[in-house]
Amino acid sequence: MKQCFRQNTHGIQMASIKKRRSPDDEVLYIPVKGREIYETLLKIKESLELMQYLPQHTIENYRQQQQHLLQKQLLTACFRNELMDPRADLLKDKDSFPKYSTFSHLPMYP
């Protein structure tokens, strides 16, 4: 005759016993070729792990500063391009070219 064995949990909730890992607790592995790529990914991983200890407003301020710097760099680059080639604006607007060449007395091809 089989004897039923029943284990008593003595007040321990079943939820804590059957607790599954949340997606953030999972440890995943990615095979990587090359030391340089591995080190770059490691730096990204460490940065993301450190980010969880920062207050949200600090992260938002940092992102705003980075966005501001990026916009400033783009404006500076555009301004430099216009200084390097002042005729670039003329190429955008074809109506700004003179209708008749002031060099009409010169041959078209050398």
PDB file of N, CA and C in Angstrom:
ATOM      1  N   MET A   1       0.833  -1.159   0.000  1.00  0.00           N
ATOM      2  CA  MET A   1       0.000   0.000   0.000  1.00  0.00           C
ATOM      3  C   MET A   1       0.893   1.242   0.000  1.00  0.00           C
ATOM      4  N   LYS A   2       0.526   2.147  -0.869  1.00  0.00           N
ATOM      5  CA  LYS A   2       1.287   3.391  -0.972  1.00  0.00           C
ATOM      6  C   LYS A   2       0.905   4.324   0.149  1.00  0.00           C
ATOM      7  N   GLN A   3       1.908   4.898   0.693  1.00  0.00           N
ATOM      8  CA  GLN A   3       1.655   5.866   1.745  1.00  0.00           C
ATOM      9  C   GLN A   3       1.853   7.271   1.169  1.00  0.00           C
ATOM     10  N   CYS A   4       0.881   8.143   1.357  1.00  0.00           N
ATOM     11  CA  CYS A   4       0.975   9.515   0.849  1.00  0.00           C
ATOM     12  C   CYS A   4       1.896  10.316   1.762  1.00  0.00           C
ATOM     13  N   PHE A   5       2.818  10.979   1.131  1.00  0.00           N
ATOM     14  CA  PHE A   5       3.724  11.833   1.882  1.00  0.00           C
ATOM     15  C   PHE A   5       3.389  13.263   1.519  1.00  0.00           C
ATOM     16  N   ARG A   6       3.032  14.008   2.488  1.00  0.00           N
ATOM     17  CA  ARG A   6       2.675  15.400   2.250  1.00  0.00           C
ATOM     18  C   ARG A   6       3.638  16.289   3.018  1.00  0.00           C
ATOM     19  N   GLN A   7       4.261  17.184   2.269  1.00  0.00           N
ATOM     20  CA  GLN A   7       5.221  18.085   2.903  1.00  0.00           C
ATOM     21  C   GLN A   7       4.492  19.345   3.322  1.00  0.00           C
ATOM     22  N   ASN A   8       4.702  19.761   4.525  1.00  0.00           N
ATOM     23  CA  ASN A   8       4.072  20.959   5.045  1.00  0.00           C
ATOM     24  C   ASN A   8       5.057  22.121   4.923  1.00  0.00           C
ATOM     25  N   THR A   9       4.582  23.261   4.423  1.00  0.00           N
ATOM     26  CA  THR A   9       5.466  24.406   4.211  1.00  0.00           C
ATOM     27  C   THR A   9       5.560  25.308   5.434  1.00  0.00           C
ATOM     28  N   HIS A  10       4.742  25.071   6.434  1.00  0.00           N
ATOM     29  CA  HIS A  10       4.772  25.842   7.682  1.00  0.00           C
ATOM     30  C   HIS A  10       4.716  27.346   7.440  1.00  0.00           C
ATOM     31  N   GLY A  11       3.743  27.790   6.666  1.00  0.00           N
ATOM     32  CA  GLY A  11       3.515  29.216   6.489  1.00  0.00           C
ATOM     33  C   GLY A  11       4.343  29.880   5.403  1.00  0.00           C
ATOM     34  N   ILE A  12       5.212  29.155   4.731  1.00  0.00           N
ATOM     35  CA  ILE A  12       5.981  29.746   3.641  1.00  0.00           C
ATOM     36  C   ILE A  12       5.058  29.842   2.437  1.00  0.00           C
ATOM     37  N   GLN A  13       4.998  30.990   1.862  1.00  0.00           N
ATOM     38  CA  GLN A  13       4.105  31.173   0.724  1.00  0.00           C
ATOM     39  C   GLN A  13       4.666  30.475  -0.502  1.00  0.00           C
ATOM     40  N   MET A  14       3.782  29.873  -1.255  1.00  0.00           N
ATOM     41  CA  MET A  14       4.190  29.143  -2.453  1.00  0.00           C
ATOM     42  C   MET A  14       4.768  30.083  -3.509  1.00  0.00           C
ATOM     43  N   ALA A  15       4.346  31.318  -3.499  1.00  0.00           N
ATOM     44  CA  ALA A  15       4.848  32.269  -4.496  1.00  0.00           C
ATOM     45  C   ALA A  15       6.357  32.443  -4.371  1.00  0.00           C
ATOM     46  N   SER A  16       6.855  32.429  -3.146  1.00  0.00           N
ATOM     47  CA  SER A  16       8.294  32.608  -2.972  1.00  0.00           C
ATOM     48  C   SER A  16       9.062  31.348  -3.349  1.00  0.00           C
ATOM     49  N   ILE A  17       8.435  30.210  -3.244  1.00  0.00           N
ATOM     50  CA  ILE A  17       9.093  28.962  -3.609  1.00  0.00           C
ATOM     51  C   ILE A  17       9.167  28.817  -5.125  1.00  0.00           C
ATOM     52  N   LYS A  18       8.085  29.149  -5.794  1.00  0.00           N
ATOM     53  CA  LYS A  18       8.026  28.995  -7.246  1.00  0.00           C
ATOM     54  C   LYS A  18       8.452  30.259  -7.981  1.00  0.00           C
ATOM     55  N   LYS A  19       9.143  31.110  -7.314  1.00  0.00           N
ATOM     56  CA  LYS A  19       9.528  32.384  -7.910  1.00  0.00           C
ATOM     57  C   LYS A  19      10.415  32.156  -9.128  1.00  0.00           C
ATOM     58  N   ARG A  20       9.994  32.696 -10.222  1.00  0.00           N
ATOM     59  CA  ARG A  20      10.791  32.619 -11.448  1.00  0.00           C
ATOM     60  C   ARG A  20      11.638  33.864 -11.566  1.00  0.00           C
ATOM     61  N   ARG A  21      12.686  33.731 -12.349  1.00  0.00           N
ATOM     62  CA  ARG A  21      13.535  34.897 -12.598  1.00  0.00           C
ATOM     63  C   ARG A  21      12.787  35.894 -13.466  1.00  0.00           C
ATOM     64  N   SER A  22      12.916  37.150 -13.109  1.00  0.00           N
ATOM     65  CA  SER A  22      12.352  38.174 -13.977  1.00  0.00           C
ATOM     66  C   SER A  22      13.292  38.328 -15.169  1.00  0.00           C
ATOM     67  N   PRO A  23      12.829  38.898 -16.275  1.00  0.00           N
ATOM     68  CA  PRO A  23      13.702  39.048 -17.454  1.00  0.00           C
ATOM     69  C   PRO A  23      14.986  39.821 -17.157  1.00  0.00           C
ATOM     70  N   ASP A  24      14.959  40.728 -16.179  1.00  0.00           N
ATOM     71  CA  ASP A  24      16.162  41.497 -15.850  1.00  0.00           C
ATOM     72  C   ASP A  24      17.190  40.672 -15.084  1.00  0.00           C
ATOM     73  N   ASP A  25      16.752  39.575 -14.475  1.00  0.00           N
ATOM     74  CA  ASP A  25      17.672  38.739 -13.707  1.00  0.00           C
ATOM     75  C   ASP A  25      18.344  37.671 -14.562  1.00  0.00           C
ATOM     76  N   GLU A  26      17.878  37.499 -15.778  1.00  0.00           N
ATOM     77  CA  GLU A  26      18.449  36.468 -16.637  1.00  0.00           C
ATOM     78  C   GLU A  26      19.871  36.830 -17.042  1.00  0.00           C
ATOM     79  N   VAL A  27      20.714  35.829 -17.098  1.00  0.00           N
ATOM     80  CA  VAL A  27      22.086  36.016 -17.563  1.00  0.00           C
ATOM     81  C   VAL A  27      22.161  35.408 -18.953  1.00  0.00           C
ATOM     82  N   LEU A  28      22.501  36.235 -19.921  1.00  0.00           N
ATOM     83  CA  LEU A  28      22.572  35.798 -21.311  1.00  0.00           C
ATOM     84  C   LEU A  28      23.999  35.947 -21.812  1.00  0.00           C
ATOM     85  N   TYR A  29      24.349  35.160 -22.796  1.00  0.00           N
ATOM     86  CA  TYR A  29      25.702  35.184 -23.349  1.00  0.00           C
ATOM     87  C   TYR A  29      25.650  35.428 -24.845  1.00  0.00           C
ATOM     88  N   ILE A  30      26.595  36.220 -25.328  1.00  0.00           N
ATOM     89  CA  ILE A  30      26.711  36.513 -26.757  1.00  0.00           C
ATOM     90  C   ILE A  30      28.131  36.170 -27.190  1.00  0.00           C
ATOM     91  N   PRO A  31      28.278  35.258 -28.144  1.00  0.00           N
ATOM     92  CA  PRO A  31      29.632  34.999 -28.655  1.00  0.00           C
ATOM     93  C   PRO A  31      30.092  36.174 -29.516  1.00  0.00           C
ATOM     94  N   VAL A  32      31.314  36.626 -29.281  1.00  0.00           N
ATOM     95  CA  VAL A  32      31.838  37.799 -29.980  1.00  0.00           C
ATOM     96  C   VAL A  32      33.196  37.448 -30.567  1.00  0.00           C
ATOM     97  N   LYS A  33      33.402  37.849 -31.822  1.00  0.00           N
ATOM     98  CA  LYS A  33      34.704  37.647 -32.459  1.00  0.00           C
ATOM     99  C   LYS A  33      35.481  38.947 -32.396  1.00  0.00           C
ATOM    100  N   GLY A  34      36.683  38.869 -31.894  1.00  0.00           N
ATOM    101  CA  GLY A  34      37.546  40.051 -31.885  1.00  0.00           C
ATOM    102  C   GLY A  34      37.592  40.735 -30.538  1.00  0.00           C
ATOM    103  N   ARG A  35      38.787  41.023 -30.101  1.00  0.00           N
ATOM    104  CA  ARG A  35      39.017  41.654 -28.801  1.00  0.00           C
ATOM    105  C   ARG A  35      38.447  43.067 -28.760  1.00  0.00           C
ATOM    106  N   GLU A  36      38.613  43.824 -29.845  1.00  0.00           N
ATOM    107  CA  GLU A  36      38.154  45.218 -29.860  1.00  0.00           C
ATOM    108  C   GLU A  36      36.636  45.301 -29.708  1.00  0.00           C
ATOM    109  N   ILE A  37      35.915  44.458 -30.439  1.00  0.00           N
ATOM    110  CA  ILE A  37      34.451  44.452 -30.339  1.00  0.00           C
ATOM    111  C   ILE A  37      34.030  44.016 -28.936  1.00  0.00           C
ATOM    112  N   TYR A  38      34.708  43.010 -28.405  1.00  0.00           N
ATOM    113  CA  TYR A  38      34.402  42.528 -27.055  1.00  0.00           C
ATOM    114  C   TYR A  38      34.575  43.648 -26.026  1.00  0.00           C
ATOM    115  N   GLU A  39      35.675  44.378 -26.108  1.00  0.00           N
ATOM    116  CA  GLU A  39      35.934  45.445 -25.138  1.00  0.00           C
ATOM    117  C   GLU A  39      34.929  46.581 -25.273  1.00  0.00           C
ATOM    118  N   THR A  40      34.519  46.879 -26.501  1.00  0.00           N
ATOM    119  CA  THR A  40      33.500  47.912 -26.710  1.00  0.00           C
ATOM    120  C   THR A  40      32.175  47.487 -26.087  1.00  0.00           C
ATOM    121  N   LEU A  41      31.774  46.239 -26.329  1.00  0.00           N
ATOM    122  CA  LEU A  41      30.528  45.738 -25.747  1.00  0.00           C
ATOM    123  C   LEU A  41      30.606  45.688 -24.223  1.00  0.00           C
ATOM    124  N   LEU A  42      31.767  45.370 -23.692  1.00  0.00           N
ATOM    125  CA  LEU A  42      31.954  45.332 -22.243  1.00  0.00           C
ATOM    126  C   LEU A  42      31.781  46.730 -21.638  1.00  0.00           C
ATOM    127  N   LYS A  43      32.323  47.742 -22.299  1.00  0.00           N
ATOM    128  CA  LYS A  43      32.159  49.120 -21.816  1.00  0.00           C
ATOM    129  C   LYS A  43      30.696  49.538 -21.847  1.00  0.00           C
ATOM    130  N   ILE A  44      29.990  49.154 -22.912  1.00  0.00           N
ATOM    131  CA  ILE A  44      28.561  49.480 -23.012  1.00  0.00           C
ATOM    132  C   ILE A  44      27.798  48.800 -21.884  1.00  0.00           C
ATOM    133  N   LYS A  45      28.091  47.528 -21.649  1.00  0.00           N
ATOM    134  CA  LYS A  45      27.427  46.763 -20.587  1.00  0.00           C
ATOM    135  C   LYS A  45      27.665  47.407 -19.227  1.00  0.00           C
ATOM    136  N   GLU A  46      28.905  47.768 -18.947  1.00  0.00           N
ATOM    137  CA  GLU A  46      29.226  48.380 -17.657  1.00  0.00           C
ATOM    138  C   GLU A  46      28.537  49.733 -17.504  1.00  0.00           C
ATOM    139  N   SER A  47      28.462  50.490 -18.585  1.00  0.00           N
ATOM    140  CA  SER A  47      27.786  51.794 -18.532  1.00  0.00           C
ATOM    141  C   SER A  47      26.307  51.621 -18.236  1.00  0.00           C
ATOM    142  N   LEU A  48      25.683  50.640 -18.882  1.00  0.00           N
ATOM    143  CA  LEU A  48      24.263  50.393 -18.641  1.00  0.00           C
ATOM    144  C   LEU A  48      24.018  49.933 -17.205  1.00  0.00           C
ATOM    145  N   GLU A  49      24.912  49.119 -16.683  1.00  0.00           N
ATOM    146  CA  GLU A  49      24.766  48.671 -15.296  1.00  0.00           C
ATOM    147  C   GLU A  49      24.916  49.839 -14.326  1.00  0.00           C
ATOM    148  N   LEU A  50      25.849  50.739 -14.592  1.00  0.00           N
ATOM    149  CA  LEU A  50      26.034  51.900 -13.718  1.00  0.00           C
ATOM    150  C   LEU A  50      24.865  52.873 -13.818  1.00  0.00           C
ATOM    151  N   MET A  51      24.239  52.922 -14.992  1.00  0.00           N
ATOM    152  CA  MET A  51      23.128  53.848 -15.204  1.00  0.00           C
ATOM    153  C   MET A  51      21.957  53.567 -14.271  1.00  0.00           C
ATOM    154  N   GLN A  52      21.789  52.318 -13.876  1.00  0.00           N
ATOM    155  CA  GLN A  52      20.646  51.991 -13.022  1.00  0.00           C
ATOM    156  C   GLN A  52      20.761  52.607 -11.628  1.00  0.00           C
ATOM    157  N   TYR A  53      21.958  53.068 -11.255  1.00  0.00           N
ATOM    158  CA  TYR A  53      22.143  53.688  -9.945  1.00  0.00           C
ATOM    159  C   TYR A  53      21.961  55.204  -9.982  1.00  0.00           C
ATOM    160  N   LEU A  54      21.848  55.768 -11.181  1.00  0.00           N
ATOM    161  CA  LEU A  54      21.686  57.218 -11.307  1.00  0.00           C
ATOM    162  C   LEU A  54      20.214  57.596 -11.223  1.00  0.00           C
ATOM    163  N   PRO A  55      19.914  58.748 -10.638  1.00  0.00           N
ATOM    164  CA  PRO A  55      18.525  59.229 -10.652  1.00  0.00           C
ATOM    165  C   PRO A  55      18.101  59.561 -12.088  1.00  0.00           C
ATOM    166  N   GLN A  56      16.824  59.382 -12.368  1.00  0.00           N
ATOM    167  CA  GLN A  56      16.310  59.589 -13.722  1.00  0.00           C
ATOM    168  C   GLN A  56      16.552  61.012 -14.217  1.00  0.00           C
ATOM    169  N   HIS A  57      16.408  62.005 -13.349  1.00  0.00           N
ATOM    170  CA  HIS A  57      16.611  63.399 -13.788  1.00  0.00           C
ATOM    171  C   HIS A  57      18.056  63.642 -14.218  1.00  0.00           C
ATOM    172  N   THR A  58      19.009  62.961 -13.599  1.00  0.00           N
ATOM    173  CA  THR A  58      20.414  63.103 -13.990  1.00  0.00           C
ATOM    174  C   THR A  58      20.623  62.559 -15.394  1.00  0.00           C
ATOM    175  N   ILE A  59      20.005  61.433 -15.687  1.00  0.00           N
ATOM    176  CA  ILE A  59      20.108  60.826 -17.017  1.00  0.00           C
ATOM    177  C   ILE A  59      19.488  61.745 -18.065  1.00  0.00           C
ATOM    178  N   GLU A  60      18.324  62.308 -17.750  1.00  0.00           N
ATOM    179  CA  GLU A  60      17.652  63.204 -18.695  1.00  0.00           C
ATOM    180  C   GLU A  60      18.476  64.465 -18.943  1.00  0.00           C
ATOM    181  N   ASN A  61      19.072  65.022 -17.892  1.00  0.00           N
ATOM    182  CA  ASN A  61      19.933  66.202 -18.058  1.00  0.00           C
ATOM    183  C   ASN A  61      21.125  65.890 -18.947  1.00  0.00           C
ATOM    184  N   TYR A  62      21.737  64.733 -18.739  1.00  0.00           N
ATOM    185  CA  TYR A  62      22.883  64.323 -19.557  1.00  0.00           C
ATOM    186  C   TYR A  62      22.476  64.187 -21.021  1.00  0.00           C
ATOM    187  N   ARG A  63      21.334  63.576 -21.271  1.00  0.00           N
ATOM    188  CA  ARG A  63      20.868  63.405 -22.656  1.00  0.00           C
ATOM    189  C   ARG A  63      20.589  64.750 -23.315  1.00  0.00           C
ATOM    190  N   GLN A  64      20.021  65.688 -22.555  1.00  0.00           N
ATOM    191  CA  GLN A  64      19.767  67.021 -23.103  1.00  0.00           C
ATOM    192  C   GLN A  64      21.076  67.726 -23.436  1.00  0.00           C
ATOM    193  N   GLN A  65      22.069  67.587 -22.577  1.00  0.00           N
ATOM    194  CA  GLN A  65      23.372  68.202 -22.843  1.00  0.00           C
ATOM    195  C   GLN A  65      24.000  67.608 -24.101  1.00  0.00           C
ATOM    196  N   GLN A  66      23.908  66.296 -24.247  1.00  0.00           N
ATOM    197  CA  GLN A  66      24.475  65.639 -25.424  1.00  0.00           C
ATOM    198  C   GLN A  66      23.760  66.089 -26.692  1.00  0.00           C
ATOM    199  N   GLN A  67      22.440  66.211 -26.627  1.00  0.00           N
ATOM    200  CA  GLN A  67      21.664  66.669 -27.777  1.00  0.00           C
ATOM    201  C   GLN A  67      22.060  68.094 -28.149  1.00  0.00           C
ATOM    202  N   HIS A  68      22.239  68.947 -27.146  1.00  0.00           N
ATOM    203  CA  HIS A  68      22.646  70.337 -27.382  1.00  0.00           C
ATOM    204  C   HIS A  68      24.029  70.389 -28.040  1.00  0.00           C
ATOM    205  N   LEU A  69      24.963  69.578 -27.542  1.00  0.00           N
ATOM    206  CA  LEU A  69      26.305  69.542 -28.132  1.00  0.00           C
ATOM    207  C   LEU A  69      26.272  69.053 -29.574  1.00  0.00           C
ATOM    208  N   LEU A  70      25.453  68.057 -29.843  1.00  0.00           N
ATOM    209  CA  LEU A  70      25.341  67.527 -31.200  1.00  0.00           C
ATOM    210  C   LEU A  70      24.790  68.587 -32.151  1.00  0.00           C
ATOM    211  N   GLN A  71      23.758  69.309 -31.719  1.00  0.00           N
ATOM    212  CA  GLN A  71      23.197  70.372 -32.552  1.00  0.00           C
ATOM    213  C   GLN A  71      24.230  71.464 -32.805  1.00  0.00           C
ATOM    214  N   LYS A  72      24.983  71.804 -31.782  1.00  0.00           N
ATOM    215  CA  LYS A  72      26.013  72.834 -31.915  1.00  0.00           C
ATOM    216  C   LYS A  72      27.086  72.395 -32.912  1.00  0.00           C
ATOM    217  N   GLN A  73      27.493  71.123 -32.846  1.00  0.00           N
ATOM    218  CA  GLN A  73      28.495  70.601 -33.774  1.00  0.00           C
ATOM    219  C   GLN A  73      27.973  70.602 -35.208  1.00  0.00           C
ATOM    220  N   LEU A  74      26.709  70.244 -35.385  1.00  0.00           N
ATOM    221  CA  LEU A  74      26.129  70.241 -36.731  1.00  0.00           C
ATOM    222  C   LEU A  74      26.064  71.651 -37.303  1.00  0.00           C
ATOM    223  N   LEU A  75      25.661  72.610 -36.480  1.00  0.00           N
ATOM    224  CA  LEU A  75      25.608  73.995 -36.947  1.00  0.00           C
ATOM    225  C   LEU A  75      26.996  74.504 -37.306  1.00  0.00           C
ATOM    226  N   THR A  76      27.978  74.166 -36.490  1.00  0.00           N
ATOM    227  CA  THR A  76      29.355  74.582 -36.761  1.00  0.00           C
ATOM    228  C   THR A  76      29.843  73.975 -38.064  1.00  0.00           C
ATOM    229  N   ALA A  77      29.542  72.696 -38.286  1.00  0.00           N
ATOM    230  CA  ALA A  77      29.965  72.024 -39.518  1.00  0.00           C
ATOM    231  C   ALA A  77      29.294  72.653 -40.735  1.00  0.00           C
ATOM    232  N   CYS A  78      28.009  72.968 -40.626  1.00  0.00           N
ATOM    233  CA  CYS A  78      27.304  73.614 -41.745  1.00  0.00           C
ATOM    234  C   CYS A  78      27.901  74.986 -42.031  1.00  0.00           C
ATOM    235  N   PHE A  79      28.188  75.742 -40.981  1.00  0.00           N
ATOM    236  CA  PHE A  79      28.757  77.070 -41.143  1.00  0.00           C
ATOM    237  C   PHE A  79      30.128  76.988 -41.802  1.00  0.00           C
ATOM    238  N   ARG A  80      30.942  76.010 -41.402  1.00  0.00           N
ATOM    239  CA  ARG A  80      32.263  75.829 -42.010  1.00  0.00           C
ATOM    240  C   ARG A  80      32.145  75.500 -43.490  1.00  0.00           C
ATOM    241  N   ASN A  81      31.195  74.646 -43.840  1.00  0.00           N
ATOM    242  CA  ASN A  81      30.999  74.281 -45.247  1.00  0.00           C
ATOM    243  C   ASN A  81      30.622  75.496 -46.080  1.00  0.00           C
ATOM    244  N   GLU A  82      29.801  76.380 -45.537  1.00  0.00           N
ATOM    245  CA  GLU A  82      29.420  77.584 -46.268  1.00  0.00           C
ATOM    246  C   GLU A  82      30.607  78.525 -46.427  1.00  0.00           C
ATOM    247  N   LEU A  83      31.472  78.590 -45.431  1.00  0.00           N
ATOM    248  CA  LEU A  83      32.656  79.438 -45.539  1.00  0.00           C
ATOM    249  C   LEU A  83      33.654  78.866 -46.537  1.00  0.00           C
ATOM    250  N   MET A  84      33.753  77.542 -46.579  1.00  0.00           N
ATOM    251  CA  MET A  84      34.700  76.896 -47.486  1.00  0.00           C
ATOM    252  C   MET A  84      34.275  77.082 -48.941  1.00  0.00           C
ATOM    253  N   ASP A  85      32.972  77.023 -49.198  1.00  0.00           N
ATOM    254  CA  ASP A  85      32.467  77.134 -50.562  1.00  0.00           C
ATOM    255  C   ASP A  85      31.329  78.152 -50.588  1.00  0.00           C
ATOM    256  N   PRO A  86      31.658  79.443 -50.694  1.00  0.00           N
ATOM    257  CA  PRO A  86      30.605  80.463 -50.659  1.00  0.00           C
ATOM    258  C   PRO A  86      29.656  80.367 -51.847  1.00  0.00           C
ATOM    259  N   ARG A  87      30.055  79.659 -52.903  1.00  0.00           N
ATOM    260  CA  ARG A  87      29.178  79.523 -54.063  1.00  0.00           C
ATOM    261  C   ARG A  87      28.114  78.453 -53.854  1.00  0.00           C
ATOM    262  N   ALA A  88      28.163  77.726 -52.762  1.00  0.00           N
ATOM    263  CA  ALA A  88      27.193  76.657 -52.517  1.00  0.00           C
ATOM    264  C   ALA A  88      25.776  77.210 -52.488  1.00  0.00           C
ATOM    265  N   ASP A  89      25.599  78.415 -51.930  1.00  0.00           N
ATOM    266  CA  ASP A  89      24.271  79.018 -51.909  1.00  0.00           C
ATOM    267  C   ASP A  89      23.800  79.363 -53.312  1.00  0.00           C
ATOM    268  N   LEU A  90      24.710  79.755 -54.173  1.00  0.00           N
ATOM    269  CA  LEU A  90      24.330  80.083 -55.545  1.00  0.00           C
ATOM    270  C   LEU A  90      23.840  78.848 -56.290  1.00  0.00           C
ATOM    271  N   LEU A  91      24.433  77.719 -55.997  1.00  0.00           N
ATOM    272  CA  LEU A  91      24.032  76.489 -56.677  1.00  0.00           C
ATOM    273  C   LEU A  91      22.641  76.048 -56.262  1.00  0.00           C
ATOM    274  N   LYS A  92      22.219  76.424 -55.083  1.00  0.00           N
ATOM    275  CA  LYS A  92      20.895  76.041 -54.613  1.00  0.00           C
ATOM    276  C   LYS A  92      19.809  76.805 -55.363  1.00  0.00           C
ATOM    277  N   ASP A  93      20.073  78.061 -55.692  1.00  0.00           N
ATOM    278  CA  ASP A  93      19.074  78.917 -56.327  1.00  0.00           C
ATOM    279  C   ASP A  93      19.543  79.252 -57.738  1.00  0.00           C
ATOM    280  N   LYS A  94      18.988  78.572 -58.731  1.00  0.00           N
ATOM    281  CA  LYS A  94      19.432  78.752 -60.115  1.00  0.00           C
ATOM    282  C   LYS A  94      19.075  80.131 -60.662  1.00  0.00           C
ATOM    283  N   ASP A  95      18.051  80.760 -60.097  1.00  0.00           N
ATOM    284  CA  ASP A  95      17.650  82.081 -60.584  1.00  0.00           C
ATOM    285  C   ASP A  95      18.668  83.155 -60.218  1.00  0.00           C
ATOM    286  N   SER A  96      19.562  82.864 -59.313  1.00  0.00           N
ATOM    287  CA  SER A  96      20.538  83.871 -58.920  1.00  0.00           C
ATOM    288  C   SER A  96      21.690  83.974 -59.917  1.00  0.00           C
ATOM    289  N   PHE A  97      21.818  82.991 -60.836  1.00  0.00           N
ATOM    290  CA  PHE A  97      22.860  83.071 -61.849  1.00  0.00           C
ATOM    291  C   PHE A  97      22.489  84.126 -62.888  1.00  0.00           C
ATOM    292  N   PRO A  98      23.466  84.833 -63.404  1.00  0.00           N
ATOM    293  CA  PRO A  98      23.148  85.815 -64.451  1.00  0.00           C
ATOM    294  C   PRO A  98      22.642  85.097 -65.702  1.00  0.00           C
ATOM    295  N   LYS A  99      21.718  85.732 -66.404  1.00  0.00           N
ATOM    296  CA  LYS A  99      21.137  85.138 -67.618  1.00  0.00           C
ATOM    297  C   LYS A  99      22.172  85.076 -68.733  1.00  0.00           C
ATOM    298  N   TYR A 100      22.990  86.088 -68.818  1.00  0.00           N
ATOM    299  CA  TYR A 100      23.996  86.135 -69.872  1.00  0.00           C
ATOM    300  C   TYR A 100      25.371  86.161 -69.229  1.00  0.00           C
ATOM    301  N   SER A 101      26.251  85.408 -69.771  1.00  0.00           N
ATOM    302  CA  SER A 101      27.584  85.315 -69.206  1.00  0.00           C
ATOM    303  C   SER A 101      28.352  86.605 -69.439  1.00  0.00           C
ATOM    304  N   THR A 102      29.078  87.011 -68.441  1.00  0.00           N
ATOM    305  CA  THR A 102      29.933  88.187 -68.597  1.00  0.00           C
ATOM    306  C   THR A 102      31.212  87.811 -69.321  1.00  0.00           C
ATOM    307  N   PHE A 103      31.413  86.518 -69.540  1.00  0.00           N
ATOM    308  CA  PHE A 103      32.588  86.036 -70.250  1.00  0.00           C
ATOM    309  C   PHE A 103      32.204  85.522 -71.635  1.00  0.00           C
ATOM    310  N   SER A 104      31.258  86.166 -72.265  1.00  0.00           N
ATOM    311  CA  SER A 104      30.786  85.678 -73.566  1.00  0.00           C
ATOM    312  C   SER A 104      31.845  85.826 -74.653  1.00  0.00           C
ATOM    313  N   HIS A 105      32.812  86.677 -74.453  1.00  0.00           N
ATOM    314  CA  HIS A 105      33.859  86.862 -75.453  1.00  0.00           C
ATOM    315  C   HIS A 105      34.881  85.724 -75.409  1.00  0.00           C
ATOM    316  N   LEU A 106      34.872  84.909 -74.335  1.00  0.00           N
ATOM    317  CA  LEU A 106      35.811  83.793 -74.225  1.00  0.00           C
ATOM    318  C   LEU A 106      35.198  82.539 -74.847  1.00  0.00           C
ATOM    319  N   PRO A 107      36.043  81.707 -75.458  1.00  0.00           N
ATOM    320  CA  PRO A 107      35.509  80.468 -76.033  1.00  0.00           C
ATOM    321  C   PRO A 107      34.976  79.553 -74.926  1.00  0.00           C
ATOM    322  N   MET A 108      34.022  78.734 -75.281  1.00  0.00           N
ATOM    323  CA  MET A 108      33.384  77.849 -74.322  1.00  0.00           C
ATOM    324  C   MET A 108      34.347  76.778 -73.824  1.00  0.00           C
ATOM    325  N   TYR A 109      35.147  76.225 -74.732  1.00  0.00           N
ATOM    326  CA  TYR A 109      36.105  75.169 -74.381  1.00  0.00           C
ATOM    327  C   TYR A 109      37.512  75.648 -74.682  1.00  0.00           C
ATOM    328  N   PRO A 110      38.467  75.288 -73.888  1.00  0.00           N
ATOM    329  CA  PRO A 110      39.847  75.739 -74.132  1.00  0.00           C
ATOM    330  C   PRO A 110      40.470  75.071 -75.331  1.00  0.00           C
TER     331      PRO A 110
END
